[in-house]
């Protein structure tokens, strides 16, 4: 069963522990841009495939739509790729694969802060 946004019933992309709510990108931005306190809520990105929580968290007024994948789905996709391996040409590549959205890397990027 797919998780729905608590506010608009669209597909949920994040989970906010503080609000105890699954939210789509748009509602997440609306809720977390209300003031500087809710802007600090840490939200967990949901897996693009199965919608289980991933290790990725984010804070801020508006999160950029990002595709995150949990370890289970990543392992499943790697097993499928291994089964489709062609010994003379490596992995098969579909031309449509390049049309995907941004994918979250396996390790978190370094956090930088700027002071004004």
PDB file of N, CA and C in Angstrom:
ATOM      1  N   UNK A   1       0.832  -1.183   0.000  1.00  0.00           N
ATOM      2  CA  UNK A   1       0.000   0.000   0.000  1.00  0.00           C
ATOM      3  C   UNK A   1       0.879   1.249   0.000  1.00  0.00           C
ATOM      4  N   UNK A   2       0.646   2.131  -0.930  1.00  0.00           N
ATOM      5  CA  UNK A   2       1.434   3.355  -1.048  1.00  0.00           C
ATOM      6  C   UNK A   2       1.017   4.367   0.010  1.00  0.00           C
ATOM      7  N   UNK A   3       2.004   5.053   0.560  1.00  0.00           N
ATOM      8  CA  UNK A   3       1.724   6.091   1.555  1.00  0.00           C
ATOM      9  C   UNK A   3       1.270   7.349   0.840  1.00  0.00           C
ATOM     10  N   UNK A   4       0.250   7.963   1.370  1.00  0.00           N
ATOM     11  CA  UNK A   4      -0.298   9.199   0.814  1.00  0.00           C
ATOM     12  C   UNK A   4       0.074  10.369   1.706  1.00  0.00           C
ATOM     13  N   UNK A   5       0.163  11.545   1.104  1.00  0.00           N
ATOM     14  CA  UNK A   5       0.395  12.782   1.841  1.00  0.00           C
ATOM     15  C   UNK A   5      -0.774  12.991   2.806  1.00  0.00           C
ATOM     16  N   UNK A   6      -0.455  13.390   4.028  1.00  0.00           N
ATOM     17  CA  UNK A   6      -1.484  13.601   5.052  1.00  0.00           C
ATOM     18  C   UNK A   6      -2.401  14.780   4.720  1.00  0.00           C
ATOM     19  N   UNK A   7      -1.925  15.698   3.863  1.00  0.00           N
ATOM     20  CA  UNK A   7      -2.691  16.911   3.588  1.00  0.00           C
ATOM     21  C   UNK A   7      -3.442  16.895   2.265  1.00  0.00           C
ATOM     22  N   UNK A   8      -2.862  16.276   1.233  1.00  0.00           N
ATOM     23  CA  UNK A   8      -3.515  16.363  -0.085  1.00  0.00           C
ATOM     24  C   UNK A   8      -3.744  15.007  -0.745  1.00  0.00           C
ATOM     25  N   UNK A   9      -3.341  13.938  -0.139  1.00  0.00           N
ATOM     26  CA  UNK A   9      -3.457  12.567  -0.639  1.00  0.00           C
ATOM     27  C   UNK A   9      -2.608  12.261  -1.880  1.00  0.00           C
ATOM     28  N   UNK A  10      -1.662  13.129  -2.245  1.00  0.00           N
ATOM     29  CA  UNK A  10      -0.681  12.790  -3.281  1.00  0.00           C
ATOM     30  C   UNK A  10       0.288  11.769  -2.695  1.00  0.00           C
ATOM     31  N   UNK A  11       1.158  11.228  -3.517  1.00  0.00           N
ATOM     32  CA  UNK A  11       2.177  10.278  -3.052  1.00  0.00           C
ATOM     33  C   UNK A  11       3.106  10.976  -2.058  1.00  0.00           C
ATOM     34  N   UNK A  12       3.347  10.347  -0.910  1.00  0.00           N
ATOM     35  CA  UNK A  12       4.250  10.908   0.104  1.00  0.00           C
ATOM     36  C   UNK A  12       5.698  10.702  -0.302  1.00  0.00           C
ATOM     37  N   UNK A  13       6.529  11.714  -0.028  1.00  0.00           N
ATOM     38  CA  UNK A  13       7.954  11.648  -0.328  1.00  0.00           C
ATOM     39  C   UNK A  13       8.825  11.792   0.914  1.00  0.00           C
ATOM     40  N   UNK A  14       8.269  12.367   1.978  1.00  0.00           N
ATOM     41  CA  UNK A  14       9.015  12.594   3.206  1.00  0.00           C
ATOM     42  C   UNK A  14       8.163  12.211   4.409  1.00  0.00           C
ATOM     43  N   UNK A  15       8.853  11.969   5.513  1.00  0.00           N
ATOM     44  CA  UNK A  15       8.159  11.752   6.775  1.00  0.00           C
ATOM     45  C   UNK A  15       8.760  12.702   7.800  1.00  0.00           C
ATOM     46  N   UNK A  16       7.920  13.491   8.449  1.00  0.00           N
ATOM     47  CA  UNK A  16       8.356  14.424   9.478  1.00  0.00           C
ATOM     48  C   UNK A  16       7.991  13.825  10.833  1.00  0.00           C
ATOM     49  N   UNK A  17       9.006  13.447  11.595  1.00  0.00           N
ATOM     50  CA  UNK A  17       8.781  12.863  12.918  1.00  0.00           C
ATOM     51  C   UNK A  17       8.118  13.876  13.841  1.00  0.00           C
ATOM     52  N   UNK A  18       8.552  15.134  13.806  1.00  0.00           N
ATOM     53  CA  UNK A  18       7.979  16.159  14.682  1.00  0.00           C
ATOM     54  C   UNK A  18       6.482  16.339  14.454  1.00  0.00           C
ATOM     55  N   UNK A  19       6.070  16.298  13.190  1.00  0.00           N
ATOM     56  CA  UNK A  19       4.655  16.451  12.853  1.00  0.00           C
ATOM     57  C   UNK A  19       3.937  15.105  12.779  1.00  0.00           C
ATOM     58  N   UNK A  20       4.713  14.017  12.837  1.00  0.00           N
ATOM     59  CA  UNK A  20       4.188  12.661  12.656  1.00  0.00           C
ATOM     60  C   UNK A  20       3.317  12.592  11.413  1.00  0.00           C
ATOM     61  N   UNK A  21       3.909  13.051  10.286  1.00  0.00           N
ATOM     62  CA  UNK A  21       3.141  13.131   9.044  1.00  0.00           C
ATOM     63  C   UNK A  21       3.983  12.751   7.834  1.00  0.00           C
ATOM     64  N   UNK A  22       3.365  11.992   6.928  1.00  0.00           N
ATOM     65  CA  UNK A  22       3.931  11.746   5.597  1.00  0.00           C
ATOM     66  C   UNK A  22       3.476  12.893   4.712  1.00  0.00           C
ATOM     67  N   UNK A  23       4.410  13.475   3.946  1.00  0.00           N
ATOM     68  CA  UNK A  23       4.079  14.639   3.128  1.00  0.00           C
ATOM     69  C   UNK A  23       4.661  14.518   1.724  1.00  0.00           C
ATOM     70  N   UNK A  24       3.953  15.090   0.749  1.00  0.00           N
ATOM     71  CA  UNK A  24       4.490  15.214  -0.609  1.00  0.00           C
ATOM     72  C   UNK A  24       5.444  16.413  -0.614  1.00  0.00           C
ATOM     73  N   UNK A  25       6.175  16.612  -1.708  1.00  0.00           N
ATOM     74  CA  UNK A  25       7.140  17.719  -1.778  1.00  0.00           C
ATOM     75  C   UNK A  25       6.455  19.067  -1.570  1.00  0.00           C
ATOM     76  N   UNK A  26       5.327  19.275  -2.219  1.00  0.00           N
ATOM     77  CA  UNK A  26       4.640  20.560  -2.169  1.00  0.00           C
ATOM     78  C   UNK A  26       4.123  20.872  -0.758  1.00  0.00           C
ATOM     79  N   UNK A  27       3.448  19.923  -0.158  1.00  0.00           N
ATOM     80  CA  UNK A  27       2.923  20.151   1.199  1.00  0.00           C
ATOM     81  C   UNK A  27       4.056  20.266   2.211  1.00  0.00           C
ATOM     82  N   UNK A  28       5.122  19.501   2.021  1.00  0.00           N
ATOM     83  CA  UNK A  28       6.281  19.610   2.896  1.00  0.00           C
ATOM     84  C   UNK A  28       6.818  21.039   2.864  1.00  0.00           C
ATOM     85  N   UNK A  29       6.933  21.617   1.667  1.00  0.00           N
ATOM     86  CA  UNK A  29       7.420  22.993   1.533  1.00  0.00           C
ATOM     87  C   UNK A  29       6.467  23.982   2.193  1.00  0.00           C
ATOM     88  N   UNK A  30       5.172  23.790   2.002  1.00  0.00           N
ATOM     89  CA  UNK A  30       4.183  24.691   2.618  1.00  0.00           C
ATOM     90  C   UNK A  30       4.247  24.637   4.143  1.00  0.00           C
ATOM     91  N   UNK A  31       4.284  23.442   4.689  1.00  0.00           N
ATOM     92  CA  UNK A  31       4.302  23.276   6.143  1.00  0.00           C
ATOM     93  C   UNK A  31       5.599  23.809   6.742  1.00  0.00           C
ATOM     94  N   UNK A  32       6.729  23.463   6.133  1.00  0.00           N
ATOM     95  CA  UNK A  32       8.022  23.769   6.745  1.00  0.00           C
ATOM     96  C   UNK A  32       8.579  25.142   6.366  1.00  0.00           C
ATOM     97  N   UNK A  33       7.816  25.924   5.648  1.00  0.00           N
ATOM     98  CA  UNK A  33       8.216  27.313   5.397  1.00  0.00           C
ATOM     99  C   UNK A  33       7.365  28.280   6.224  1.00  0.00           C
ATOM    100  N   UNK A  34       6.546  27.747   7.117  1.00  0.00           N
ATOM    101  CA  UNK A  34       5.648  28.581   7.926  1.00  0.00           C
ATOM    102  C   UNK A  34       6.405  29.511   8.870  1.00  0.00           C
ATOM    103  N   UNK A  35       7.471  29.004   9.494  1.00  0.00           N
ATOM    104  CA  UNK A  35       8.282  29.842  10.384  1.00  0.00           C
ATOM    105  C   UNK A  35       9.627  29.168  10.619  1.00  0.00           C
ATOM    106  N   UNK A  36      10.528  29.881  11.302  1.00  0.00           N
ATOM    107  CA  UNK A  36      11.884  29.382  11.481  1.00  0.00           C
ATOM    108  C   UNK A  36      11.959  28.155  12.393  1.00  0.00           C
ATOM    109  N   UNK A  37      10.956  27.923  13.204  1.00  0.00           N
ATOM    110  CA  UNK A  37      10.972  26.755  14.087  1.00  0.00           C
ATOM    111  C   UNK A  37      10.670  25.483  13.305  1.00  0.00           C
ATOM    112  N   UNK A  38       9.583  25.471  12.535  1.00  0.00           N
ATOM    113  CA  UNK A  38       9.250  24.261  11.769  1.00  0.00           C
ATOM    114  C   UNK A  38      10.233  24.036  10.628  1.00  0.00           C
ATOM    115  N   UNK A  39      10.913  25.084  10.208  1.00  0.00           N
ATOM    116  CA  UNK A  39      11.950  24.944   9.174  1.00  0.00           C
ATOM    117  C   UNK A  39      13.054  24.000   9.648  1.00  0.00           C
ATOM    118  N   UNK A  40      13.252  23.906  10.956  1.00  0.00           N
ATOM    119  CA  UNK A  40      14.314  23.070  11.530  1.00  0.00           C
ATOM    120  C   UNK A  40      13.920  21.607  11.687  1.00  0.00           C
ATOM    121  N   UNK A  41      12.647  21.260  11.424  1.00  0.00           N
ATOM    122  CA  UNK A  41      12.231  19.864  11.551  1.00  0.00           C
ATOM    123  C   UNK A  41      13.039  18.981  10.610  1.00  0.00           C
ATOM    124  N   UNK A  42      13.531  17.898  11.146  1.00  0.00           N
ATOM    125  CA  UNK A  42      14.254  16.926  10.334  1.00  0.00           C
ATOM    126  C   UNK A  42      13.236  15.990   9.693  1.00  0.00           C
ATOM    127  N   UNK A  43      13.351  15.834   8.375  1.00  0.00           N
ATOM    128  CA  UNK A  43      12.451  14.950   7.645  1.00  0.00           C
ATOM    129  C   UNK A  43      13.234  13.805   7.030  1.00  0.00           C
ATOM    130  N   UNK A  44      12.659  12.632   7.071  1.00  0.00           N
ATOM    131  CA  UNK A  44      13.253  11.445   6.482  1.00  0.00           C
ATOM    132  C   UNK A  44      12.729  11.291   5.070  1.00  0.00           C
ATOM    133  N   UNK A  45      13.630  11.067   4.115  1.00  0.00           N
ATOM    134  CA  UNK A  45      13.200  10.811   2.742  1.00  0.00           C
ATOM    135  C   UNK A  45      12.681   9.381   2.650  1.00  0.00           C
ATOM    136  N   UNK A  46      11.599   9.207   1.937  1.00  0.00           N
ATOM    137  CA  UNK A  46      11.017   7.884   1.740  1.00  0.00           C
ATOM    138  C   UNK A  46      11.552   7.270   0.457  1.00  0.00           C
ATOM    139  N   UNK A  47      11.710   5.956   0.459  1.00  0.00           N
ATOM    140  CA  UNK A  47      12.205   5.235  -0.712  1.00  0.00           C
ATOM    141  C   UNK A  47      11.267   5.468  -1.894  1.00  0.00           C
ATOM    142  N   UNK A  48      11.838   5.788  -3.035  1.00  0.00           N
ATOM    143  CA  UNK A  48      11.063   6.049  -4.249  1.00  0.00           C
ATOM    144  C   UNK A  48      10.306   4.802  -4.711  1.00  0.00           C
ATOM    145  N   UNK A  49      10.825   3.630  -4.376  1.00  0.00           N
ATOM    146  CA  UNK A  49      10.216   2.391  -4.852  1.00  0.00           C
ATOM    147  C   UNK A  49       9.180   1.852  -3.868  1.00  0.00           C
ATOM    148  N   UNK A  50       9.582   1.638  -2.609  1.00  0.00           N
ATOM    149  CA  UNK A  50       8.685   0.981  -1.642  1.00  0.00           C
ATOM    150  C   UNK A  50       8.140   1.925  -0.567  1.00  0.00           C
ATOM    151  N   UNK A  51       8.632   3.140  -0.540  1.00  0.00           N
ATOM    152  CA  UNK A  51       8.224   4.187   0.400  1.00  0.00           C
ATOM    153  C   UNK A  51       8.577   3.893   1.853  1.00  0.00           C
ATOM    154  N   UNK A  52       9.520   2.997   2.103  1.00  0.00           N
ATOM    155  CA  UNK A  52      10.010   2.809   3.464  1.00  0.00           C
ATOM    156  C   UNK A  52      11.005   3.932   3.759  1.00  0.00           C
ATOM    157  N   UNK A  53      11.237   4.237   5.024  1.00  0.00           N
ATOM    158  CA  UNK A  53      12.191   5.300   5.361  1.00  0.00           C
ATOM    159  C   UNK A  53      13.602   4.928   4.898  1.00  0.00           C
ATOM    160  N   UNK A  54      14.333   5.916   4.432  1.00  0.00           N
ATOM    161  CA  UNK A  54      15.730   5.721   4.040  1.00  0.00           C
ATOM    162  C   UNK A  54      16.607   6.360   5.113  1.00  0.00           C
ATOM    163  N   UNK A  55      17.920   6.170   5.059  1.00  0.00           N
ATOM    164  CA  UNK A  55      18.800   6.805   6.043  1.00  0.00           C
ATOM    165  C   UNK A  55      18.968   8.306   5.806  1.00  0.00           C
ATOM    166  N   UNK A  56      18.369   8.826   4.761  1.00  0.00           N
ATOM    167  CA  UNK A  56      18.553  10.223   4.389  1.00  0.00           C
ATOM    168  C   UNK A  56      17.573  11.129   5.112  1.00  0.00           C
ATOM    169  N   UNK A  57      18.101  12.170   5.722  1.00  0.00           N
ATOM    170  CA  UNK A  57      17.264  13.172   6.373  1.00  0.00           C
ATOM    171  C   UNK A  57      17.639  14.543   5.844  1.00  0.00           C
ATOM    172  N   UNK A  58      16.730  15.478   5.983  1.00  0.00           N
ATOM    173  CA  UNK A  58      16.971  16.838   5.516  1.00  0.00           C
ATOM    174  C   UNK A  58      16.177  17.818   6.359  1.00  0.00           C
ATOM    175  N   UNK A  59      16.616  19.051   6.359  1.00  0.00           N
ATOM    176  CA  UNK A  59      15.909  20.125   7.033  1.00  0.00           C
ATOM    177  C   UNK A  59      15.844  21.314   6.085  1.00  0.00           C
ATOM    178  N   UNK A  60      15.028  22.285   6.419  1.00  0.00           N
ATOM    179  CA  UNK A  60      14.964  23.507   5.624  1.00  0.00           C
ATOM    180  C   UNK A  60      13.550  23.818   5.194  1.00  0.00           C
ATOM    181  N   UNK A  61      13.411  24.989   4.585  1.00  0.00           N
ATOM    182  CA  UNK A  61      12.094  25.454   4.144  1.00  0.00           C
ATOM    183  C   UNK A  61      11.532  24.605   3.017  1.00  0.00           C
ATOM    184  N   UNK A  62      12.344  24.322   2.009  1.00  0.00           N
ATOM    185  CA  UNK A  62      11.863  23.592   0.843  1.00  0.00           C
ATOM    186  C   UNK A  62      12.926  22.594   0.418  1.00  0.00           C
ATOM    187  N   UNK A  63      12.556  21.322   0.443  1.00  0.00           N
ATOM    188  CA  UNK A  63      13.469  20.276   0.001  1.00  0.00           C
ATOM    189  C   UNK A  63      13.357  20.123  -1.510  1.00  0.00           C
ATOM    190  N   UNK A  64      14.475  19.923  -2.162  1.00  0.00           N
ATOM    191  CA  UNK A  64      14.452  19.687  -3.604  1.00  0.00           C
ATOM    192  C   UNK A  64      13.928  18.286  -3.865  1.00  0.00           C
ATOM    193  N   UNK A  65      13.019  18.144  -4.807  1.00  0.00           N
ATOM    194  CA  UNK A  65      12.552  16.790  -5.131  1.00  0.00           C
ATOM    195  C   UNK A  65      13.743  15.910  -5.506  1.00  0.00           C
ATOM    196  N   UNK A  66      13.896  14.843  -4.771  1.00  0.00           N
ATOM    197  CA  UNK A  66      15.039  13.938  -4.908  1.00  0.00           C
ATOM    198  C   UNK A  66      14.538  12.512  -4.819  1.00  0.00           C
ATOM    199  N   UNK A  67      15.117  11.649  -5.614  1.00  0.00           N
ATOM    200  CA  UNK A  67      14.764  10.238  -5.528  1.00  0.00           C
ATOM    201  C   UNK A  67      15.744   9.578  -4.576  1.00  0.00           C
ATOM    202  N   UNK A  68      15.214   8.954  -3.539  1.00  0.00           N
ATOM    203  CA  UNK A  68      16.048   8.197  -2.610  1.00  0.00           C
ATOM    204  C   UNK A  68      15.602   6.742  -2.668  1.00  0.00           C
ATOM    205  N   UNK A  69      16.546   5.846  -2.408  1.00  0.00           N
ATOM    206  CA  UNK A  69      16.259   4.420  -2.481  1.00  0.00           C
ATOM    207  C   UNK A  69      16.786   3.767  -1.207  1.00  0.00           C
ATOM    208  N   UNK A  70      15.971   2.905  -0.604  1.00  0.00           N
ATOM    209  CA  UNK A  70      16.399   2.200   0.604  1.00  0.00           C
ATOM    210  C   UNK A  70      17.377   1.084   0.218  1.00  0.00           C
ATOM    211  N   UNK A  71      18.070   0.566   1.201  1.00  0.00           N
ATOM    212  CA  UNK A  71      19.074  -0.471   0.951  1.00  0.00           C
ATOM    213  C   UNK A  71      18.452  -1.733   0.367  1.00  0.00           C
ATOM    214  N   UNK A  72      17.271  -2.116   0.820  1.00  0.00           N
ATOM    215  CA  UNK A  72      16.611  -3.328   0.303  1.00  0.00           C
ATOM    216  C   UNK A  72      16.310  -3.199  -1.186  1.00  0.00           C
ATOM    217  N   UNK A  73      15.766  -2.066  -1.591  1.00  0.00           N
ATOM    218  CA  UNK A  73      15.445  -1.861  -3.007  1.00  0.00           C
ATOM    219  C   UNK A  73      16.711  -1.735  -3.842  1.00  0.00           C
ATOM    220  N   UNK A  74      17.747  -1.111  -3.287  1.00  0.00           N
ATOM    221  CA  UNK A  74      19.023  -1.008  -3.992  1.00  0.00           C
ATOM    222  C   UNK A  74      19.609  -2.393  -4.224  1.00  0.00           C
ATOM    223  N   UNK A  75      19.578  -3.246  -3.196  1.00  0.00           N
ATOM    224  CA  UNK A  75      20.073  -4.618  -3.338  1.00  0.00           C
ATOM    225  C   UNK A  75      19.269  -5.383  -4.377  1.00  0.00           C
ATOM    226  N   UNK A  76      17.953  -5.208  -4.362  1.00  0.00           N
ATOM    227  CA  UNK A  76      17.092  -5.889  -5.337  1.00  0.00           C
ATOM    228  C   UNK A  76      17.420  -5.437  -6.757  1.00  0.00           C
ATOM    229  N   UNK A  77      17.634  -4.134  -6.939  1.00  0.00           N
ATOM    230  CA  UNK A  77      17.972  -3.618  -8.269  1.00  0.00           C
ATOM    231  C   UNK A  77      19.334  -4.124  -8.718  1.00  0.00           C
ATOM    232  N   UNK A  78      20.287  -4.213  -7.794  1.00  0.00           N
ATOM    233  CA  UNK A  78      21.615  -4.736  -8.143  1.00  0.00           C
ATOM    234  C   UNK A  78      21.532  -6.195  -8.546  1.00  0.00           C
ATOM    235  N   UNK A  79      20.675  -6.975  -7.890  1.00  0.00           N
ATOM    236  CA  UNK A  79      20.496  -8.382  -8.258  1.00  0.00           C
ATOM    237  C   UNK A  79      19.899  -8.505  -9.651  1.00  0.00           C
ATOM    238  N   UNK A  80      18.942  -7.647  -9.991  1.00  0.00           N
ATOM    239  CA  UNK A  80      18.352  -7.647 -11.332  1.00  0.00           C
ATOM    240  C   UNK A  80      19.413  -7.283 -12.365  1.00  0.00           C
ATOM    241  N   UNK A  81      20.230  -6.270 -12.059  1.00  0.00           N
ATOM    242  CA  UNK A  81      21.286  -5.855 -12.989  1.00  0.00           C
ATOM    243  C   UNK A  81      22.296  -6.984 -13.192  1.00  0.00           C
ATOM    244  N   UNK A  82      22.631  -7.697 -12.121  1.00  0.00           N
ATOM    245  CA  UNK A  82      23.566  -8.822 -12.237  1.00  0.00           C
ATOM    246  C   UNK A  82      22.998  -9.911 -13.133  1.00  0.00           C
ATOM    247  N   UNK A  83      21.690 -10.141 -13.053  1.00  0.00           N
ATOM    248  CA  UNK A  83      21.053 -11.168 -13.871  1.00  0.00           C
ATOM    249  C   UNK A  83      20.984 -10.771 -15.341  1.00  0.00           C
ATOM    250  N   UNK A  84      21.039  -9.472 -15.639  1.00  0.00           N
ATOM    251  CA  UNK A  84      20.964  -8.999 -17.022  1.00  0.00           C
ATOM    252  C   UNK A  84      22.339  -8.738 -17.626  1.00  0.00           C
ATOM    253  N   UNK A  85      23.375  -9.108 -16.916  1.00  0.00           N
ATOM    254  CA  UNK A  85      24.729  -8.822 -17.406  1.00  0.00           C
ATOM    255  C   UNK A  85      25.007  -9.630 -18.667  1.00  0.00           C
ATOM    256  N   UNK A  86      25.582  -8.962 -19.648  1.00  0.00           N
ATOM    257  CA  UNK A  86      25.980  -9.591 -20.905  1.00  0.00           C
ATOM    258  C   UNK A  86      27.492  -9.722 -20.863  1.00  0.00           C
ATOM    259  N   UNK A  87      28.030 -10.919 -21.020  1.00  0.00           N
ATOM    260  CA  UNK A  87      29.460 -11.153 -20.837  1.00  0.00           C
ATOM    261  C   UNK A  87      30.326 -10.398 -21.840  1.00  0.00           C
ATOM    262  N   UNK A  88      29.832 -10.084 -23.027  1.00  0.00           N
ATOM    263  CA  UNK A  88      30.666  -9.399 -24.004  1.00  0.00           C
ATOM    264  C   UNK A  88      30.519  -7.887 -23.975  1.00  0.00           C
ATOM    265  N   UNK A  89      29.428  -7.347 -23.422  1.00  0.00           N
ATOM    266  CA  UNK A  89      29.206  -5.905 -23.467  1.00  0.00           C
ATOM    267  C   UNK A  89      28.972  -5.284 -22.097  1.00  0.00           C
ATOM    268  N   UNK A  90      29.137  -6.013 -21.010  1.00  0.00           N
ATOM    269  CA  UNK A  90      28.884  -5.454 -19.686  1.00  0.00           C
ATOM    270  C   UNK A  90      27.389  -5.377 -19.427  1.00  0.00           C
ATOM    271  N   UNK A  91      26.980  -4.422 -18.639  1.00  0.00           N
ATOM    272  CA  UNK A  91      25.568  -4.280 -18.292  1.00  0.00           C
ATOM    273  C   UNK A  91      24.797  -3.663 -19.437  1.00  0.00           C
ATOM    274  N   UNK A  92      23.575  -4.120 -19.583  1.00  0.00           N
ATOM    275  CA  UNK A  92      22.695  -3.513 -20.577  1.00  0.00           C
ATOM    276  C   UNK A  92      22.305  -2.127 -20.113  1.00  0.00           C
ATOM    277  N   UNK A  93      22.162  -1.237 -21.048  1.00  0.00           N
ATOM    278  CA  UNK A  93      21.788   0.135 -20.713  1.00  0.00           C
ATOM    279  C   UNK A  93      20.663   0.559 -21.637  1.00  0.00           C
ATOM    280  N   UNK A  94      19.537   0.932 -21.057  1.00  0.00           N
ATOM    281  CA  UNK A  94      18.432   1.439 -21.856  1.00  0.00           C
ATOM    282  C   UNK A  94      18.625   2.923 -22.069  1.00  0.00           C
ATOM    283  N   UNK A  95      18.288   3.416 -23.249  1.00  0.00           N
ATOM    284  CA  UNK A  95      18.432   4.835 -23.553  1.00  0.00           C
ATOM    285  C   UNK A  95      17.590   5.701 -22.634  1.00  0.00           C
ATOM    286  N   UNK A  96      16.496   5.182 -22.113  1.00  0.00           N
ATOM    287  CA  UNK A  96      15.613   5.955 -21.252  1.00  0.00           C
ATOM    288  C   UNK A  96      16.136   6.119 -19.838  1.00  0.00           C
ATOM    289  N   UNK A  97      17.192   5.395 -19.457  1.00  0.00           N
ATOM    290  CA  UNK A  97      17.737   5.484 -18.101  1.00  0.00           C
ATOM    291  C   UNK A  97      18.240   6.880 -17.770  1.00  0.00           C
ATOM    292  N   UNK A  98      18.673   7.647 -18.766  1.00  0.00           N
ATOM    293  CA  UNK A  98      19.221   8.974 -18.526  1.00  0.00           C
ATOM    294  C   UNK A  98      18.144   9.994 -18.184  1.00  0.00           C
ATOM    295  N   UNK A  99      16.872   9.638 -18.340  1.00  0.00           N
ATOM    296  CA  UNK A  99      15.789  10.564 -18.064  1.00  0.00           C
ATOM    297  C   UNK A  99      15.351  10.561 -16.602  1.00  0.00           C
ATOM    298  N   UNK A 100      16.014   9.793 -15.752  1.00  0.00           N
ATOM    299  CA  UNK A 100      15.661   9.727 -14.337  1.00  0.00           C
ATOM    300  C   UNK A 100      15.945  11.054 -13.643  1.00  0.00           C
ATOM    301  N   UNK A 101      15.274  11.271 -12.517  1.00  0.00           N
ATOM    302  CA  UNK A 101      15.528  12.432 -11.680  1.00  0.00           C
ATOM    303  C   UNK A 101      16.821  12.231 -10.903  1.00  0.00           C
ATOM    304  N   UNK A 102      17.166  13.215 -10.119  1.00  0.00           N
ATOM    305  CA  UNK A 102      18.363  13.125  -9.309  1.00  0.00           C
ATOM    306  C   UNK A 102      18.257  11.942  -8.358  1.00  0.00           C
ATOM    307  N   UNK A 103      19.348  11.188  -8.215  1.00  0.00           N
ATOM    308  CA  UNK A 103      19.383  10.036  -7.331  1.00  0.00           C
ATOM    309  C   UNK A 103      20.311  10.351  -6.171  1.00  0.00           C
ATOM    310  N   UNK A 104      19.902  10.026  -4.965  1.00  0.00           N
ATOM    311  CA  UNK A 104      20.717  10.280  -3.788  1.00  0.00           C
ATOM    312  C   UNK A 104      21.883   9.317  -3.793  1.00  0.00           C
ATOM    313  N   UNK A 105      23.123   9.792  -3.586  1.00  0.00           N
ATOM    314  CA  UNK A 105      24.280   8.898  -3.555  1.00  0.00           C
ATOM    315  C   UNK A 105      24.234   7.989  -2.326  1.00  0.00           C
ATOM    316  N   UNK A 106      25.068   6.945  -2.323  1.00  0.00           N
ATOM    317  CA  UNK A 106      25.075   5.987  -1.227  1.00  0.00           C
ATOM    318  C   UNK A 106      25.596   6.576   0.077  1.00  0.00           C
ATOM    319  N   UNK A 107      26.523   7.524   0.018  1.00  0.00           N
ATOM    320  CA  UNK A 107      27.017   8.128   1.253  1.00  0.00           C
ATOM    321  C   UNK A 107      26.617   9.595   1.282  1.00  0.00           C
ATOM    322  N   UNK A 108      26.290  10.120   2.468  1.00  0.00           N
ATOM    323  CA  UNK A 108      25.824  11.504   2.551  1.00  0.00           C
ATOM    324  C   UNK A 108      26.919  12.500   2.183  1.00  0.00           C
ATOM    325  N   UNK A 109      26.557  13.588   1.498  1.00  0.00           N
ATOM    326  CA  UNK A 109      27.543  14.604   1.153  1.00  0.00           C
ATOM    327  C   UNK A 109      27.955  15.370   2.412  1.00  0.00           C
ATOM    328  N   UNK A 110      29.153  15.956   2.410  1.00  0.00           N
ATOM    329  CA  UNK A 110      29.565  16.738   3.571  1.00  0.00           C
ATOM    330  C   UNK A 110      28.649  17.946   3.760  1.00  0.00           C
ATOM    331  N   UNK A 111      28.380  18.267   5.001  1.00  0.00           N
ATOM    332  CA  UNK A 111      27.502  19.402   5.319  1.00  0.00           C
ATOM    333  C   UNK A 111      28.371  20.637   5.459  1.00  0.00           C
ATOM    334  N   UNK A 112      27.987  21.686   4.763  1.00  0.00           N
ATOM    335  CA  UNK A 112      28.719  22.950   4.891  1.00  0.00           C
ATOM    336  C   UNK A 112      27.767  24.005   5.393  1.00  0.00           C
ATOM    337  N   UNK A 113      28.292  24.894   6.173  1.00  0.00           N
ATOM    338  CA  UNK A 113      27.452  25.993   6.665  1.00  0.00           C
ATOM    339  C   UNK A 113      28.143  27.306   6.341  1.00  0.00           C
ATOM    340  N   UNK A 114      27.359  28.306   6.068  1.00  0.00           N
ATOM    341  CA  UNK A 114      27.923  29.610   5.766  1.00  0.00           C
ATOM    342  C   UNK A 114      27.420  30.605   6.803  1.00  0.00           C
ATOM    343  N   UNK A 115      28.265  31.501   7.173  1.00  0.00           N
ATOM    344  CA  UNK A 115      27.856  32.541   8.119  1.00  0.00           C
ATOM    345  C   UNK A 115      27.834  33.882   7.419  1.00  0.00           C
ATOM    346  N   UNK A 116      26.871  34.691   7.788  1.00  0.00           N
ATOM    347  CA  UNK A 116      26.719  36.005   7.136  1.00  0.00           C
ATOM    348  C   UNK A 116      27.011  37.085   8.115  1.00  0.00           C
TER     349      UNK A 116
END
